[in-house]
Amino acid sequence: MNWKLLLATFGTVFLAELGDKTQLATLSFAAANRGAFWCVFAGSALALIATSLIATFVGGALARYLPVRYVSLSAGVLFIVIGAIVVIRTLTTAT
């Protein structure tokens, strides 16, 4: 097992998820459903596992056919586009 890769991936995803809207949604579910800690924890953990599994398979498949540079660039552009859409929607619905 490549422990350096495992720890780098864990650290990067952990830091990226801190304060993320996924974490805030989980916090909201936990606050609204006192006593259902394990249900909220299991649901959020399973969702993160499922999305990570999908991303890993798609990333692995894309890397077979495209250079890693293009995959990374596309992911960055997609991230910016989604962020712009969220900002635009927020600004247009707030007025």
PDB file of N, CA and C in Angstrom:
ATOM      1  N   MET A   1       0.840  -1.177   0.000  1.00  0.00           N
ATOM      2  CA  MET A   1       0.000   0.000   0.000  1.00  0.00           C
ATOM      3  C   MET A   1       0.887   1.242   0.000  1.00  0.00           C
ATOM      4  N   ASN A   2       0.475   2.239  -0.758  1.00  0.00           N
ATOM      5  CA  ASN A   2       1.207   3.497  -0.850  1.00  0.00           C
ATOM      6  C   ASN A   2       0.700   4.433   0.250  1.00  0.00           C
ATOM      7  N   TRP A   3       1.364   4.398   1.419  1.00  0.00           N
ATOM      8  CA  TRP A   3       0.923   5.162   2.578  1.00  0.00           C
ATOM      9  C   TRP A   3       1.045   6.662   2.347  1.00  0.00           C
ATOM     10  N   LYS A   4       2.066   7.070   1.600  1.00  0.00           N
ATOM     11  CA  LYS A   4       2.231   8.499   1.323  1.00  0.00           C
ATOM     12  C   LYS A   4       1.048   9.031   0.520  1.00  0.00           C
ATOM     13  N   LEU A   5       0.620   8.282  -0.490  1.00  0.00           N
ATOM     14  CA  LEU A   5      -0.537   8.676  -1.293  1.00  0.00           C
ATOM     15  C   LEU A   5      -1.807   8.665  -0.448  1.00  0.00           C
ATOM     16  N   LEU A   6      -1.968   7.644   0.384  1.00  0.00           N
ATOM     17  CA  LEU A   6      -3.137   7.546   1.255  1.00  0.00           C
ATOM     18  C   LEU A   6      -3.228   8.761   2.178  1.00  0.00           C
ATOM     19  N   LEU A   7      -2.121   9.107   2.824  1.00  0.00           N
ATOM     20  CA  LEU A   7      -2.123  10.236   3.748  1.00  0.00           C
ATOM     21  C   LEU A   7      -2.298  11.570   3.016  1.00  0.00           C
ATOM     22  N   ALA A   8      -1.700  11.708   1.846  1.00  0.00           N
ATOM     23  CA  ALA A   8      -1.862  12.943   1.066  1.00  0.00           C
ATOM     24  C   ALA A   8      -3.313  13.114   0.626  1.00  0.00           C
ATOM     25  N   THR A   9      -3.932  12.029   0.189  1.00  0.00           N
ATOM     26  CA  THR A   9      -5.333  12.084  -0.224  1.00  0.00           C
ATOM     27  C   THR A   9      -6.226  12.409   0.964  1.00  0.00           C
ATOM     28  N   PHE A  10      -5.991  11.722   2.080  1.00  0.00           N
ATOM     29  CA  PHE A  10      -6.789  11.986   3.287  1.00  0.00           C
ATOM     30  C   PHE A  10      -6.664  13.446   3.702  1.00  0.00           C
ATOM     31  N   GLY A  11      -5.436  13.938   3.802  1.00  0.00           N
ATOM     32  CA  GLY A  11      -5.215  15.314   4.241  1.00  0.00           C
ATOM     33  C   GLY A  11      -5.856  16.334   3.321  1.00  0.00           C
ATOM     34  N   THR A  12      -5.726  16.122   2.021  1.00  0.00           N
ATOM     35  CA  THR A  12      -6.292  17.058   1.053  1.00  0.00           C
ATOM     36  C   THR A  12      -7.811  17.077   1.121  1.00  0.00           C
ATOM     37  N   VAL A  13      -8.432  15.903   1.120  1.00  0.00           N
ATOM     38  CA  VAL A  13      -9.896  15.829   1.169  1.00  0.00           C
ATOM     39  C   VAL A  13     -10.412  16.326   2.515  1.00  0.00           C
ATOM     40  N   PHE A  14      -9.738  15.974   3.589  1.00  0.00           N
ATOM     41  CA  PHE A  14     -10.156  16.423   4.917  1.00  0.00           C
ATOM     42  C   PHE A  14     -10.163  17.946   4.997  1.00  0.00           C
ATOM     43  N   LEU A  15      -9.082  18.576   4.548  1.00  0.00           N
ATOM     44  CA  LEU A  15      -9.012  20.038   4.582  1.00  0.00           C
ATOM     45  C   LEU A  15     -10.015  20.679   3.632  1.00  0.00           C
ATOM     46  N   ALA A  16     -10.234  20.057   2.471  1.00  0.00           N
ATOM     47  CA  ALA A  16     -11.188  20.606   1.505  1.00  0.00           C
ATOM     48  C   ALA A  16     -12.620  20.536   2.027  1.00  0.00           C
ATOM     49  N   GLU A  17     -12.917  19.541   2.837  1.00  0.00           N
ATOM     50  CA  GLU A  17     -14.271  19.356   3.335  1.00  0.00           C
ATOM     51  C   GLU A  17     -14.583  20.195   4.569  1.00  0.00           C
ATOM     52  N   LEU A  18     -13.563  20.721   5.253  1.00  0.00           N
ATOM     53  CA  LEU A  18     -13.819  21.535   6.447  1.00  0.00           C
ATOM     54  C   LEU A  18     -14.592  22.789   6.052  1.00  0.00           C
ATOM     55  N   GLY A  19     -15.737  22.982   6.669  1.00  0.00           N
ATOM     56  CA  GLY A  19     -16.558  24.141   6.373  1.00  0.00           C
ATOM     57  C   GLY A  19     -17.295  24.056   5.047  1.00  0.00           C
ATOM     58  N   ASP A  20     -17.207  22.920   4.401  1.00  0.00           N
ATOM     59  CA  ASP A  20     -17.879  22.699   3.124  1.00  0.00           C
ATOM     60  C   ASP A  20     -19.385  22.632   3.352  1.00  0.00           C
ATOM     61  N   LYS A  21     -20.161  22.904   2.313  1.00  0.00           N
ATOM     62  CA  LYS A  21     -21.622  22.872   2.485  1.00  0.00           C
ATOM     63  C   LYS A  21     -22.122  21.479   2.851  1.00  0.00           C
ATOM     64  N   THR A  22     -21.383  20.438   2.488  1.00  0.00           N
ATOM     65  CA  THR A  22     -21.753  19.079   2.901  1.00  0.00           C
ATOM     66  C   THR A  22     -21.648  18.948   4.414  1.00  0.00           C
ATOM     67  N   GLN A  23     -20.574  19.474   4.962  1.00  0.00           N
ATOM     68  CA  GLN A  23     -20.388  19.417   6.411  1.00  0.00           C
ATOM     69  C   GLN A  23     -21.448  20.263   7.115  1.00  0.00           C
ATOM     70  N   LEU A  24     -21.770  21.403   6.552  1.00  0.00           N
ATOM     71  CA  LEU A  24     -22.794  22.255   7.157  1.00  0.00           C
ATOM     72  C   LEU A  24     -24.176  21.604   7.094  1.00  0.00           C
ATOM     73  N   ALA A  25     -24.468  20.887   5.998  1.00  0.00           N
ATOM     74  CA  ALA A  25     -25.742  20.173   5.895  1.00  0.00           C
ATOM     75  C   ALA A  25     -25.806  19.063   6.944  1.00  0.00           C
ATOM     76  N   THR A  26     -24.704  18.348   7.135  1.00  0.00           N
ATOM     77  CA  THR A  26     -24.649  17.295   8.144  1.00  0.00           C
ATOM     78  C   THR A  26     -24.853  17.878   9.534  1.00  0.00           C
ATOM     79  N   LEU A  27     -24.201  19.002   9.795  1.00  0.00           N
ATOM     80  CA  LEU A  27     -24.374  19.678  11.078  1.00  0.00           C
ATOM     81  C   LEU A  27     -25.833  20.066  11.296  1.00  0.00           C
ATOM     82  N   SER A  28     -26.468  20.550  10.244  1.00  0.00           N
ATOM     83  CA  SER A  28     -27.877  20.950  10.329  1.00  0.00           C
ATOM     84  C   SER A  28     -28.780  19.750  10.613  1.00  0.00           C
ATOM     85  N   PHE A  29     -28.552  18.644   9.924  1.00  0.00           N
ATOM     86  CA  PHE A  29     -29.344  17.426  10.175  1.00  0.00           C
ATOM     87  C   PHE A  29     -29.159  16.949  11.608  1.00  0.00           C
ATOM     88  N   ALA A  30     -27.916  16.979  12.092  1.00  0.00           N
ATOM     89  CA  ALA A  30     -27.644  16.519  13.457  1.00  0.00           C
ATOM     90  C   ALA A  30     -28.318  17.425  14.484  1.00  0.00           C
ATOM     91  N   ALA A  31     -28.311  18.722  14.228  1.00  0.00           N
ATOM     92  CA  ALA A  31     -28.935  19.665  15.164  1.00  0.00           C
ATOM     93  C   ALA A  31     -30.455  19.527  15.165  1.00  0.00           C
ATOM     94  N   ALA A  32     -31.029  19.273  13.999  1.00  0.00           N
ATOM     95  CA  ALA A  32     -32.484  19.177  13.882  1.00  0.00           C
ATOM     96  C   ALA A  32     -33.024  17.834  14.357  1.00  0.00           C
ATOM     97  N   ASN A  33     -32.172  16.843  14.449  1.00  0.00           N
ATOM     98  CA  ASN A  33     -32.614  15.497  14.817  1.00  0.00           C
ATOM     99  C   ASN A  33     -31.820  14.984  16.010  1.00  0.00           C
ATOM    100  N   ARG A  34     -32.026  15.611  17.137  1.00  0.00           N
ATOM    101  CA  ARG A  34     -31.326  15.180  18.352  1.00  0.00           C
ATOM    102  C   ARG A  34     -31.621  13.719  18.630  1.00  0.00           C
ATOM    103  N   GLY A  35     -30.615  13.019  19.059  1.00  0.00           N
ATOM    104  CA  GLY A  35     -30.793  11.604  19.369  1.00  0.00           C
ATOM    105  C   GLY A  35     -30.659  10.704  18.157  1.00  0.00           C
ATOM    106  N   ALA A  36     -30.508  11.288  16.986  1.00  0.00           N
ATOM    107  CA  ALA A  36     -30.354  10.482  15.764  1.00  0.00           C
ATOM    108  C   ALA A  36     -28.930  10.615  15.229  1.00  0.00           C
ATOM    109  N   PHE A  37     -27.988  10.768  16.139  1.00  0.00           N
ATOM    110  CA  PHE A  37     -26.582  10.958  15.772  1.00  0.00           C
ATOM    111  C   PHE A  37     -26.095   9.900  14.801  1.00  0.00           C
ATOM    112  N   TRP A  38     -26.330   8.635  15.144  1.00  0.00           N
ATOM    113  CA  TRP A  38     -25.790   7.548  14.314  1.00  0.00           C
ATOM    114  C   TRP A  38     -26.442   7.491  12.938  1.00  0.00           C
ATOM    115  N   CYS A  39     -27.713   7.835  12.846  1.00  0.00           N
ATOM    116  CA  CYS A  39     -28.375   7.864  11.525  1.00  0.00           C
ATOM    117  C   CYS A  39     -27.783   8.961  10.644  1.00  0.00           C
ATOM    118  N   VAL A  40     -27.587  10.135  11.237  1.00  0.00           N
ATOM    119  CA  VAL A  40     -27.007  11.246  10.472  1.00  0.00           C
ATOM    120  C   VAL A  40     -25.563  10.923  10.089  1.00  0.00           C
ATOM    121  N   PHE A  41     -24.791  10.395  11.041  1.00  0.00           N
ATOM    122  CA  PHE A  41     -23.404  10.035  10.760  1.00  0.00           C
ATOM    123  C   PHE A  41     -23.321   8.986   9.656  1.00  0.00           C
ATOM    124  N   ALA A  42     -24.125   7.928   9.769  1.00  0.00           N
ATOM    125  CA  ALA A  42     -24.085   6.854   8.766  1.00  0.00           C
ATOM    126  C   ALA A  42     -24.524   7.369   7.392  1.00  0.00           C
ATOM    127  N   GLY A  43     -25.581   8.176   7.364  1.00  0.00           N
ATOM    128  CA  GLY A  43     -26.046   8.712   6.087  1.00  0.00           C
ATOM    129  C   GLY A  43     -25.012   9.595   5.414  1.00  0.00           C
ATOM    130  N   SER A  44     -24.393  10.496   6.182  1.00  0.00           N
ATOM    131  CA  SER A  44     -23.396  11.385   5.590  1.00  0.00           C
ATOM    132  C   SER A  44     -22.129  10.624   5.207  1.00  0.00           C
ATOM    133  N   ALA A  45     -21.724   9.661   6.018  1.00  0.00           N
ATOM    134  CA  ALA A  45     -20.533   8.869   5.695  1.00  0.00           C
ATOM    135  C   ALA A  45     -20.754   8.031   4.436  1.00  0.00           C
ATOM    136  N   LEU A  46     -21.905   7.402   4.330  1.00  0.00           N
ATOM    137  CA  LEU A  46     -22.205   6.600   3.137  1.00  0.00           C
ATOM    138  C   LEU A  46     -22.275   7.461   1.877  1.00  0.00           C
ATOM    139  N   ALA A  47     -22.829   8.665   2.013  1.00  0.00           N
ATOM    140  CA  ALA A  47     -22.893   9.568   0.858  1.00  0.00           C
ATOM    141  C   ALA A  47     -21.500   9.980   0.407  1.00  0.00           C
ATOM    142  N   LEU A  48     -20.619  10.288   1.354  1.00  0.00           N
ATOM    143  CA  LEU A  48     -19.258  10.672   1.006  1.00  0.00           C
ATOM    144  C   LEU A  48     -18.501   9.497   0.381  1.00  0.00           C
ATOM    145  N   ILE A  49     -18.713   8.311   0.918  1.00  0.00           N
ATOM    146  CA  ILE A  49     -18.082   7.114   0.341  1.00  0.00           C
ATOM    147  C   ILE A  49     -18.575   6.889  -1.084  1.00  0.00           C
ATOM    148  N   ALA A  50     -19.880   7.009  -1.302  1.00  0.00           N
ATOM    149  CA  ALA A  50     -20.447   6.781  -2.641  1.00  0.00           C
ATOM    150  C   ALA A  50     -19.918   7.794  -3.655  1.00  0.00           C
ATOM    151  N   THR A  51     -19.884   9.081  -3.276  1.00  0.00           N
ATOM    152  CA  THR A  51     -19.393  10.090  -4.218  1.00  0.00           C
ATOM    153  C   THR A  51     -17.895   9.927  -4.477  1.00  0.00           C
ATOM    154  N   SER A  52     -17.148   9.532  -3.445  1.00  0.00           N
ATOM    155  CA  SER A  52     -15.714   9.298  -3.626  1.00  0.00           C
ATOM    156  C   SER A  52     -15.462   8.092  -4.518  1.00  0.00           C
ATOM    157  N   LEU A  53     -16.278   7.060  -4.379  1.00  0.00           N
ATOM    158  CA  LEU A  53     -16.150   5.875  -5.217  1.00  0.00           C
ATOM    159  C   LEU A  53     -16.414   6.212  -6.682  1.00  0.00           C
ATOM    160  N   ILE A  54     -17.468   6.974  -6.923  1.00  0.00           N
ATOM    161  CA  ILE A  54     -17.794   7.377  -8.292  1.00  0.00           C
ATOM    162  C   ILE A  54     -16.654   8.227  -8.870  1.00  0.00           C
ATOM    163  N   ALA A  55     -16.162   9.202  -8.092  1.00  0.00           N
ATOM    164  CA  ALA A  55     -15.086  10.069  -8.567  1.00  0.00           C
ATOM    165  C   ALA A  55     -13.819   9.270  -8.861  1.00  0.00           C
ATOM    166  N   THR A  56     -13.521   8.276  -8.034  1.00  0.00           N
ATOM    167  CA  THR A  56     -12.332   7.457  -8.235  1.00  0.00           C
ATOM    168  C   THR A  56     -12.441   6.635  -9.516  1.00  0.00           C
ATOM    169  N   PHE A  57     -13.588   6.019  -9.735  1.00  0.00           N
ATOM    170  CA  PHE A  57     -13.782   5.238 -10.963  1.00  0.00           C
ATOM    171  C   PHE A  57     -13.730   6.116 -12.201  1.00  0.00           C
ATOM    172  N   VAL A  58     -14.412   7.254 -12.153  1.00  0.00           N
ATOM    173  CA  VAL A  58     -14.425   8.152 -13.318  1.00  0.00           C
ATOM    174  C   VAL A  58     -13.024   8.711 -13.564  1.00  0.00           C
ATOM    175  N   GLY A  59     -12.336   9.129 -12.508  1.00  0.00           N
ATOM    176  CA  GLY A  59     -10.971   9.642 -12.662  1.00  0.00           C
ATOM    177  C   GLY A  59     -10.022   8.597 -13.218  1.00  0.00           C
ATOM    178  N   GLY A  60     -10.151   7.360 -12.737  1.00  0.00           N
ATOM    179  CA  GLY A  60      -9.306   6.280 -13.246  1.00  0.00           C
ATOM    180  C   GLY A  60      -9.583   5.984 -14.715  1.00  0.00           C
ATOM    181  N   ALA A  61     -10.868   6.003 -15.088  1.00  0.00           N
ATOM    182  CA  ALA A  61     -11.237   5.735 -16.488  1.00  0.00           C
ATOM    183  C   ALA A  61     -10.754   6.861 -17.397  1.00  0.00           C
ATOM    184  N   LEU A  62     -10.922   8.106 -16.956  1.00  0.00           N
ATOM    185  CA  LEU A  62     -10.466   9.230 -17.771  1.00  0.00           C
ATOM    186  C   LEU A  62      -8.955   9.221 -17.952  1.00  0.00           C
ATOM    187  N   ALA A  63      -8.228   8.840 -16.900  1.00  0.00           N
ATOM    188  CA  ALA A  63      -6.768   8.815 -16.962  1.00  0.00           C
ATOM    189  C   ALA A  63      -6.251   7.784 -17.971  1.00  0.00           C
ATOM    190  N   ARG A  64      -7.054   6.787 -18.272  1.00  0.00           N
ATOM    191  CA  ARG A  64      -6.646   5.793 -19.275  1.00  0.00           C
ATOM    192  C   ARG A  64      -6.668   6.371 -20.681  1.00  0.00           C
ATOM    193  N   TYR A  65      -7.562   7.334 -20.913  1.00  0.00           N
ATOM    194  CA  TYR A  65      -7.767   7.839 -22.267  1.00  0.00           C
ATOM    195  C   TYR A  65      -7.271   9.259 -22.479  1.00  0.00           C
ATOM    196  N   LEU A  66      -7.090  10.005 -21.403  1.00  0.00           N
ATOM    197  CA  LEU A  66      -6.665  11.394 -21.506  1.00  0.00           C
ATOM    198  C   LEU A  66      -5.435  11.630 -20.638  1.00  0.00           C
ATOM    199  N   PRO A  67      -4.594  12.564 -21.030  1.00  0.00           N
ATOM    200  CA  PRO A  67      -3.472  12.920 -20.152  1.00  0.00           C
ATOM    201  C   PRO A  67      -3.992  13.508 -18.838  1.00  0.00           C
ATOM    202  N   VAL A  68      -3.296  13.237 -17.751  1.00  0.00           N
ATOM    203  CA  VAL A  68      -3.714  13.686 -16.431  1.00  0.00           C
ATOM    204  C   VAL A  68      -3.840  15.215 -16.392  1.00  0.00           C
ATOM    205  N   ARG A  69      -3.006  15.888 -17.134  1.00  0.00           N
ATOM    206  CA  ARG A  69      -3.074  17.351 -17.173  1.00  0.00           C
ATOM    207  C   ARG A  69      -4.449  17.828 -17.639  1.00  0.00           C
ATOM    208  N   TYR A  70      -4.999  17.196 -18.668  1.00  0.00           N
ATOM    209  CA  TYR A  70      -6.320  17.583 -19.179  1.00  0.00           C
ATOM    210  C   TYR A  70      -7.425  17.261 -18.178  1.00  0.00           C
ATOM    211  N   VAL A  71      -7.291  16.142 -17.498  1.00  0.00           N
ATOM    212  CA  VAL A  71      -8.286  15.776 -16.483  1.00  0.00           C
ATOM    213  C   VAL A  71      -8.284  16.804 -15.355  1.00  0.00           C
ATOM    214  N   SER A  72      -7.103  17.174 -14.877  1.00  0.00           N
ATOM    215  CA  SER A  72      -6.987  18.160 -13.803  1.00  0.00           C
ATOM    216  C   SER A  72      -7.499  19.521 -14.254  1.00  0.00           C
ATOM    217  N   LEU A  73      -7.142  19.928 -15.450  1.00  0.00           N
ATOM    218  CA  LEU A  73      -7.601  21.209 -15.984  1.00  0.00           C
ATOM    219  C   LEU A  73      -9.124  21.231 -16.114  1.00  0.00           C
ATOM    220  N   SER A  74      -9.690  20.154 -16.622  1.00  0.00           N
ATOM    221  CA  SER A  74     -11.149  20.072 -16.766  1.00  0.00           C
ATOM    222  C   SER A  74     -11.841  20.132 -15.414  1.00  0.00           C
ATOM    223  N   ALA A  75     -11.290  19.452 -14.422  1.00  0.00           N
ATOM    224  CA  ALA A  75     -11.873  19.481 -13.077  1.00  0.00           C
ATOM    225  C   ALA A  75     -11.832  20.899 -12.511  1.00  0.00           C
ATOM    226  N   GLY A  76     -10.732  21.592 -12.711  1.00  0.00           N
ATOM    227  CA  GLY A  76     -10.619  22.972 -12.230  1.00  0.00           C
ATOM    228  C   GLY A  76     -11.608  23.901 -12.907  1.00  0.00           C
ATOM    229  N   VAL A  77     -11.739  23.776 -14.226  1.00  0.00           N
ATOM    230  CA  VAL A  77     -12.683  24.607 -14.966  1.00  0.00           C
ATOM    231  C   VAL A  77     -14.111  24.308 -14.513  1.00  0.00           C
ATOM    232  N   LEU A  78     -14.440  23.032 -14.363  1.00  0.00           N
ATOM    233  CA  LEU A  78     -15.774  22.653 -13.907  1.00  0.00           C
ATOM    234  C   LEU A  78     -16.064  23.222 -12.523  1.00  0.00           C
ATOM    235  N   PHE A  79     -15.082  23.182 -11.647  1.00  0.00           N
ATOM    236  CA  PHE A  79     -15.234  23.736 -10.303  1.00  0.00           C
ATOM    237  C   PHE A  79     -15.540  25.231 -10.370  1.00  0.00           C
ATOM    238  N   ILE A  80     -14.818  25.954 -11.223  1.00  0.00           N
ATOM    239  CA  ILE A  80     -15.034  27.396 -11.371  1.00  0.00           C
ATOM    240  C   ILE A  80     -16.421  27.678 -11.948  1.00  0.00           C
ATOM    241  N   VAL A  81     -16.830  26.898 -12.949  1.00  0.00           N
ATOM    242  CA  VAL A  81     -18.144  27.094 -13.576  1.00  0.00           C
ATOM    243  C   VAL A  81     -19.265  26.862 -12.562  1.00  0.00           C
ATOM    244  N   ILE A  82     -19.169  25.781 -11.799  1.00  0.00           N
ATOM    245  CA  ILE A  82     -20.195  25.499 -10.783  1.00  0.00           C
ATOM    246  C   ILE A  82     -20.229  26.611  -9.746  1.00  0.00           C
ATOM    247  N   GLY A  83     -19.062  27.103  -9.316  1.00  0.00           N
ATOM    248  CA  GLY A  83     -19.003  28.205  -8.368  1.00  0.00           C
ATOM    249  C   GLY A  83     -19.659  29.459  -8.925  1.00  0.00           C
ATOM    250  N   ALA A  84     -19.401  29.752 -10.192  1.00  0.00           N
ATOM    251  CA  ALA A  84     -20.002  30.927 -10.825  1.00  0.00           C
ATOM    252  C   ALA A  84     -21.521  30.789 -10.895  1.00  0.00           C
ATOM    253  N   ILE A  85     -21.999  29.600 -11.221  1.00  0.00           N
ATOM    254  CA  ILE A  85     -23.450  29.370 -11.282  1.00  0.00           C
ATOM    255  C   ILE A  85     -24.086  29.582  -9.906  1.00  0.00           C
ATOM    256  N   VAL A  86     -23.440  29.081  -8.867  1.00  0.00           N
ATOM    257  CA  VAL A  86     -23.966  29.254  -7.504  1.00  0.00           C
ATOM    258  C   VAL A  86     -24.000  30.729  -7.133  1.00  0.00           C
ATOM    259  N   VAL A  87     -22.939  31.460  -7.445  1.00  0.00           N
ATOM    260  CA  VAL A  87     -22.898  32.890  -7.133  1.00  0.00           C
ATOM    261  C   VAL A  87     -23.984  33.641  -7.899  1.00  0.00           C
ATOM    262  N   ILE A  88     -24.141  33.353  -9.180  1.00  0.00           N
ATOM    263  CA  ILE A  88     -25.154  34.034 -10.000  1.00  0.00           C
ATOM    264  C   ILE A  88     -26.550  33.741  -9.479  1.00  0.00           C
ATOM    265  N   ARG A  89     -26.830  32.477  -9.179  1.00  0.00           N
ATOM    266  CA  ARG A  89     -28.153  32.124  -8.643  1.00  0.00           C
ATOM    267  C   ARG A  89     -28.428  32.814  -7.309  1.00  0.00           C
ATOM    268  N   THR A  90     -27.406  32.878  -6.477  1.00  0.00           N
ATOM    269  CA  THR A  90     -27.570  33.520  -5.178  1.00  0.00           C
ATOM    270  C   THR A  90     -27.852  35.014  -5.341  1.00  0.00           C
ATOM    271  N   LEU A  91     -27.127  35.651  -6.221  1.00  0.00           N
ATOM    272  CA  LEU A  91     -27.324  37.080  -6.431  1.00  0.00           C
ATOM    273  C   LEU A  91     -28.666  37.391  -7.084  1.00  0.00           C
ATOM    274  N   THR A  92     -29.120  36.533  -7.980  1.00  0.00           N
ATOM    275  CA  THR A  92     -30.390  36.812  -8.666  1.00  0.00           C
ATOM    276  C   THR A  92     -31.595  36.483  -7.800  1.00  0.00           C
ATOM    277  N   THR A  93     -31.495  35.530  -6.894  1.00  0.00           N
ATOM    278  CA  THR A  93     -32.628  35.200  -6.034  1.00  0.00           C
ATOM    279  C   THR A  93     -32.679  36.077  -4.793  1.00  0.00           C
ATOM    280  N   ALA A  94     -31.564  36.725  -4.452  1.00  0.00           N
ATOM    281  CA  ALA A  94     -31.536  37.568  -3.258  1.00  0.00           C
ATOM    282  C   ALA A  94     -32.207  38.906  -3.480  1.00  0.00           C
ATOM    283  N   THR A  95     -32.371  39.323  -4.736  1.00  0.00           N
ATOM    284  CA  THR A  95     -32.968  40.636  -4.995  1.00  0.00           C
ATOM    285  C   THR A  95     -34.429  40.545  -5.327  1.00  0.00           C
TER     286      THR A  95
END
